[in-house]
Protein backbone atom coordinates (compact mmCIF):
# COMPACT_ATOMS: atom_id res chain seq x y z
CA MET A 1 -12.46 -0.15 16.95
CA ASN A 2 -12.42 0.08 13.16
CA CYS A 3 -9.56 -0.87 10.83
CA PRO A 4 -7.99 2.62 10.44
CA GLU A 5 -7.94 3.03 14.24
CA VAL A 6 -6.39 -0.40 14.67
CA GLU A 7 -3.69 0.23 12.05
CA GLU A 8 -2.66 3.38 13.93
CA LEU A 9 -2.18 1.34 17.11
CA LEU A 10 -0.67 -1.88 15.75
CA SER A 11 2.91 -0.82 16.38
CA ALA A 12 2.16 0.04 20.02
CA TYR A 13 0.16 -3.20 20.33
CA HIS A 14 3.08 -5.23 19.00
CA ASP A 15 5.46 -3.48 21.42
CA ASP A 16 3.04 -4.01 24.35
CA GLU A 17 2.69 -0.27 24.96
CA LEU A 18 -1.12 0.01 25.03
CA ALA A 19 -3.25 0.51 28.10
CA PRO A 20 -5.11 -2.68 29.16
CA ASP A 21 -8.53 -1.49 27.94
CA ALA A 22 -7.17 -0.39 24.53
CA ARG A 23 -5.27 -3.64 24.15
CA ALA A 24 -8.37 -5.68 24.97
CA SER A 25 -10.45 -3.73 22.45
CA LEU A 26 -7.81 -4.16 19.74
CA THR A 27 -7.44 -7.88 20.49
CA ALA A 28 -11.20 -8.30 20.06
CA HIS A 29 -11.02 -6.58 16.68
CA LEU A 30 -8.16 -8.82 15.53
CA GLU A 31 -10.16 -11.95 16.32
CA ASP A 32 -12.69 -11.02 13.61
CA CYS A 33 -10.50 -9.13 11.11
CA PRO A 34 -8.14 -11.11 8.84
CA ALA A 35 -6.83 -7.89 7.21
CA CYS A 36 -5.62 -6.34 10.48
CA THR A 37 -4.32 -9.70 11.66
CA GLY A 38 -2.27 -9.85 8.46
CA ARG A 39 -0.86 -6.39 9.21
CA LEU A 40 0.12 -7.55 12.70
CA LYS A 41 1.92 -10.55 11.22
CA GLU A 42 3.87 -8.14 9.00
CA PHE A 43 4.97 -6.25 12.13
CA GLN A 44 6.05 -9.52 13.72
CA ALA A 45 7.93 -10.67 10.61
CA LEU A 46 9.62 -7.29 10.18
CA SER A 47 10.62 -7.27 13.86
CA ALA A 48 12.22 -10.70 13.42
CA LEU A 49 13.96 -9.46 10.27
CA SER A 50 15.35 -6.35 11.97
CA ALA A 51 16.76 -8.52 14.76
CA GLN A 52 18.96 -10.21 12.16
CA LEU A 53 20.47 -6.91 10.99
CA HIS A 54 23.71 -5.69 12.50
CA ALA A 55 24.20 -2.00 13.18
CA PRO A 56 27.52 -0.77 11.76
CA GLU A 57 30.06 0.37 14.34
CA ALA A 58 30.96 4.06 14.30
CA PRO A 59 34.61 4.85 13.48
CA ALA A 60 36.76 5.42 16.59
CA HIS A 61 37.53 9.04 15.61
CA LEU A 62 33.88 10.00 14.95
CA TRP A 63 33.01 11.47 18.35
CA SER A 64 36.20 13.51 18.68
CA ALA A 65 35.65 14.90 15.15
CA LEU A 66 32.06 15.84 16.03
CA GLU A 67 33.14 17.53 19.25
CA SER A 68 35.74 19.61 17.39
CA LYS A 69 33.17 20.60 14.76
CA LEU A 70 30.59 21.58 17.40
CA ASP A 71 33.15 23.64 19.34
CA GLY A 72 34.07 25.46 16.14
CA ASP A 73 30.44 26.15 15.28
CA LEU A 74 29.72 27.47 18.77
CA ASP A 75 32.73 29.81 18.60
CA ALA A 76 31.54 31.14 15.25
CA GLU A 77 28.00 31.72 16.53
CA ALA A 78 29.30 33.53 19.62
CA ARG A 79 31.12 36.21 17.62
CA PRO A 80 29.06 39.44 17.50
CA LEU A 81 28.42 41.06 14.14
CA SER A 82 30.34 44.12 15.23
CA PHE A 83 31.21 45.13 11.66
CA LEU A 84 27.55 45.91 10.89
CA GLY A 85 26.00 49.21 11.78
CA ARG A 86 22.64 49.29 13.50
CA GLN A 87 20.81 50.48 10.41
CA THR A 88 22.34 47.78 8.19
CA ALA A 89 21.69 45.09 10.78
CA GLY A 90 18.08 46.24 11.06
CA ARG A 91 17.60 46.07 7.30
CA LEU A 92 19.09 42.57 7.18
CA ALA A 93 16.76 41.45 9.97
CA ALA A 94 13.74 42.85 8.11
CA MET A 95 14.82 41.13 4.90
CA ALA A 96 15.27 37.85 6.76
CA ALA A 97 11.77 38.15 8.24
CA VAL A 98 10.24 38.76 4.80
CA LEU A 99 12.16 35.78 3.41
CA VAL A 100 10.98 33.49 6.21
CA ILE A 101 7.36 34.57 5.70
CA GLY A 102 7.63 34.06 1.93
CA VAL A 103 9.15 30.61 2.33
CA GLY A 104 6.48 29.72 4.90
CA VAL A 105 3.64 30.71 2.55
CA ALA A 106 5.22 28.80 -0.33
CA PHE A 107 5.70 25.74 1.88
CA LEU A 108 2.08 25.79 3.03
CA ALA A 109 0.89 26.03 -0.57
CA TYR A 110 3.18 23.12 -1.52
CA ARG A 111 1.92 21.03 1.42
CA ALA A 112 -1.68 21.72 0.39
CA TRP A 113 -0.95 20.01 -2.95
CA LEU A 114 1.53 17.34 -1.85
CA PRO A 115 -0.54 15.11 0.45
CA THR A 116 -3.14 14.30 -2.21
CA ALA A 117 -0.67 13.06 -4.82
CA HIS A 118 1.65 11.42 -2.31
CA GLU A 119 -1.13 9.69 -0.37
CA GLU A 120 -2.61 8.38 -3.63
CA ARG A 121 0.77 6.89 -4.59
CA MET A 122 1.09 5.35 -1.14
CA ALA A 123 -2.40 3.82 -1.38
CA ASN A 124 -1.71 2.45 -4.87
CA MET A 125 1.56 0.88 -3.70
CA ASP A 126 -0.18 -0.56 -0.65
CA ARG A 127 -2.75 -2.27 -2.87
CA TYR A 128 -0.02 -3.49 -5.19
CA LEU A 129 2.04 -5.02 -2.37
CA ASP A 130 -1.03 -6.60 -0.77
CA GLN A 131 -1.98 -8.19 -4.09
CA PHE A 132 1.62 -9.23 -4.78
CA ALA A 133 1.69 -11.18 -1.51
CA GLN A 134 -1.31 -13.21 -2.73
CA ASN A 135 -0.75 -13.43 -6.49
CA PRO A 136 2.31 -11.72 -8.05
CA ASP A 137 1.16 -12.15 -11.64
CA GLN A 138 -2.28 -10.66 -10.95
CA ALA A 139 -0.70 -7.80 -9.00
CA LEU A 140 1.55 -6.99 -11.96
CA GLU A 141 -1.39 -7.04 -14.35
CA ASN A 142 -3.45 -4.71 -12.15
CA PHE A 143 -0.52 -2.35 -11.54
CA SER A 144 0.26 -2.11 -15.25
CA ALA A 145 -3.41 -1.48 -16.04
CA ARG A 146 -3.45 1.49 -13.64
CA TYR A 147 -0.80 3.38 -15.62
CA LYS A 148 0.11 3.87 -19.26
CA THR A 149 2.43 0.93 -19.89
CA GLN A 150 4.65 0.05 -22.83
CA ALA A 151 6.56 -3.21 -23.21
CA VAL A 152 9.97 -2.37 -24.68
CA SER A 153 13.50 -3.66 -25.05
CA LEU A 154 16.25 -2.41 -22.75
CA GLU A 155 17.70 -0.39 -25.63
CA ASP A 156 14.37 1.30 -26.42
CA ALA A 157 13.77 1.97 -22.73
CA ALA A 158 17.01 3.95 -22.51
CA VAL A 159 15.76 6.22 -25.30
CA LEU A 160 12.31 6.69 -23.73
CA VAL A 161 13.45 7.46 -20.18
CA GLY A 162 16.73 9.19 -21.00
CA TYR A 163 19.05 6.92 -19.02
CA GLN A 164 20.37 3.36 -19.08
CA PRO A 165 18.24 1.28 -16.68
CA VAL A 166 20.18 -0.70 -14.07
CA ALA A 167 18.10 -3.79 -14.88
CA GLY A 168 20.45 -5.48 -17.33
CA SER A 169 19.90 -8.55 -19.45
CA ARG A 170 22.91 -10.18 -17.73
CA LEU A 171 21.75 -11.62 -14.42
CA PRO A 172 23.07 -13.92 -11.70
CA GLN A 173 22.79 -17.62 -12.37
CA GLY A 174 19.23 -18.89 -11.98
CA TYR A 175 17.59 -15.57 -12.88
CA SER A 176 15.94 -14.62 -16.17
CA LEU A 177 14.39 -11.37 -17.40
CA ASP A 178 10.72 -12.11 -18.11
CA THR A 179 9.30 -8.70 -19.13
CA PHE A 180 10.50 -5.11 -19.27
CA GLN A 181 8.14 -2.13 -19.35
CA VAL A 182 8.11 1.67 -19.21
CA LEU A 183 5.41 3.07 -16.90
CA GLU A 184 4.12 6.64 -17.14
CA MET A 185 3.17 7.30 -13.52
CA ASP A 186 1.96 10.59 -12.06
CA CYS A 187 5.31 11.16 -10.33
CA CYS A 188 7.70 10.24 -13.14
CA THR A 189 8.34 7.87 -16.02
CA CYS A 190 9.61 4.62 -14.50
CA THR A 191 10.90 1.28 -15.72
CA GLN A 192 9.66 -2.05 -14.41
CA ALA A 193 11.57 -5.30 -14.91
CA THR A 194 10.07 -8.67 -14.00
CA TYR A 195 12.46 -11.49 -13.17
CA LYS A 196 11.92 -15.20 -12.74
CA ARG A 197 14.20 -17.18 -10.48
CA ASP A 198 14.58 -20.90 -11.12
CA GLY A 199 11.53 -20.63 -13.38
CA SER A 200 9.06 -20.00 -10.55
CA ASP A 201 9.75 -17.14 -8.10
CA THR A 202 8.66 -13.71 -9.37
CA LEU A 203 10.63 -10.58 -8.51
CA VAL A 204 9.95 -7.05 -9.73
CA LEU A 205 12.42 -4.18 -10.00
CA ILE A 206 10.97 -0.66 -10.37
CA GLU A 207 13.41 2.14 -11.16
CA HIS A 208 12.22 5.70 -10.61
CA GLY A 209 13.47 9.28 -10.54
CA PRO A 210 16.05 10.76 -8.14
CA ASP A 211 13.62 13.29 -6.68
CA GLU A 212 11.01 10.73 -5.65
CA PRO A 213 11.05 9.54 -2.03
CA VAL A 214 10.93 5.87 -1.15
CA CYS A 215 7.29 4.82 -1.55
CA MET A 216 6.31 1.39 -0.28
CA GLY A 217 2.85 2.05 1.07
CA ASN A 218 1.66 2.70 4.60
CA ARG A 219 3.33 -0.26 6.25
CA PRO A 220 6.02 -0.70 8.91
CA MET A 221 9.50 -0.09 7.53
CA VAL A 222 13.03 -0.95 8.62
CA ASN A 223 15.88 1.33 7.55
CA CYS A 224 19.25 -0.40 7.43
CA ARG A 225 22.38 -0.76 5.27
CA CYS A 226 22.75 -3.52 2.69
CA ASN A 227 26.14 -3.81 0.98
CA GLY A 228 26.96 -0.46 2.57
CA LYS A 229 23.95 1.33 1.03
CA PRO A 230 21.05 2.90 2.98
CA THR A 231 18.12 0.58 2.36
CA SER A 232 14.43 0.61 3.35
CA ILE A 233 12.67 -2.73 3.81
CA VAL A 234 9.01 -3.70 4.27
CA GLN A 235 7.32 -7.07 4.67
CA VAL A 236 5.18 -8.36 1.77
CA GLY A 237 3.47 -11.53 2.95
CA ASP A 238 6.26 -14.09 3.38
CA ARG A 239 8.55 -12.01 1.13
CA ILE A 240 10.10 -8.57 1.44
CA ALA A 241 10.45 -5.41 -0.65
CA ALA A 242 13.57 -3.25 -0.50
CA SER A 243 14.37 0.20 -1.88
CA TRP A 244 17.78 1.86 -2.28
CA LYS A 245 19.61 4.38 -4.45
CA ALA A 246 21.39 2.92 -7.48
CA GLU A 247 23.59 5.41 -9.29
CA GLU A 248 21.45 8.58 -9.61
CA ARG A 249 18.02 6.98 -9.21
CA TYR A 250 16.06 4.85 -6.76
CA VAL A 251 15.12 1.23 -7.30
CA THR A 252 12.54 -0.87 -5.48
CA LEU A 253 12.83 -4.66 -5.47
CA VAL A 254 9.63 -6.56 -4.66
CA GLY A 255 9.42 -10.28 -3.90
CA ALA A 256 12.83 -11.08 -2.38
CA ARG A 257 12.90 -14.07 -0.05
CA ASP A 258 15.33 -12.53 2.44
CA ILE A 259 18.07 -9.95 2.99
CA GLU A 260 20.69 -12.16 1.36
CA GLN A 261 18.75 -12.20 -1.91
CA VAL A 262 18.44 -8.40 -1.77
CA LYS A 263 22.21 -8.13 -1.30
CA GLU A 264 22.85 -10.55 -4.16
CA LEU A 265 20.82 -8.58 -6.68
CA MET A 266 21.91 -5.21 -5.29
CA ALA A 267 25.58 -6.07 -5.83
CA TYR A 268 24.91 -7.28 -9.34
CA LEU A 269 22.70 -4.38 -10.39
CA ASP A 270 25.22 -1.81 -9.18
CA THR A 271 27.27 -1.14 -12.30
CA SER A 272 30.41 -0.19 -10.42
CA ASP A 273 30.27 -3.36 -8.30
CA ARG A 274 29.53 -5.57 -11.26
CA ASP A 275 32.34 -4.21 -13.43
CA ASN A 276 35.01 -4.62 -10.73
């Protein structure tokens, strides 16, 4: 087995879902491959992390409300379109077919372009997170060198990106803002704040556009709720990275020690929470 083949099977390997011969072959690869062994440790750490998360309980009235909604939808679908004549109905059907074909062609053309740009972003973020796990300062230097980067003040950043970044100069006790930059990436113009905690730990907050999906590389991900917000979490060495929507944009925090630290910064960075 080679590394790409192993990475495809690591989740099944971790969950003990592989056939004996495939498991033996993958185990042999892991014995001689530190990179894949590191990926497996990320699965194990993320599995332990997800076990600590509590699934929110559904409201008592949820199922009855869903049943009522489904019954209403089924009744609506069952009503025949008796007010349409055959000729009109035929024309509408033809128009719908043309629309579906047009949308399908446009979607295929979009998909032909999308994977290249998206996969490149995923690969760049993968490299960044791998480097961050080993040496945060070097990872930041390499990441900044990959894109056009400008060190600015928070006030100047608001002018350049057209919004007030959530990364404020006021921070919880023990945190300090080390650097603040504007990055011109291929997907959007982003801001990147670097924090120091207690003078040693490095955390990075990247804020990007509302139309960009969560991008944290090709690594196992847990989707949960932190402080009531949908949050995606990946393992980064012995730290974690988390991404959530703050106001109208998405933010990605890299370098948190645990979920509690994510919640601490999330609550503070949310303007509405902080001002209450």
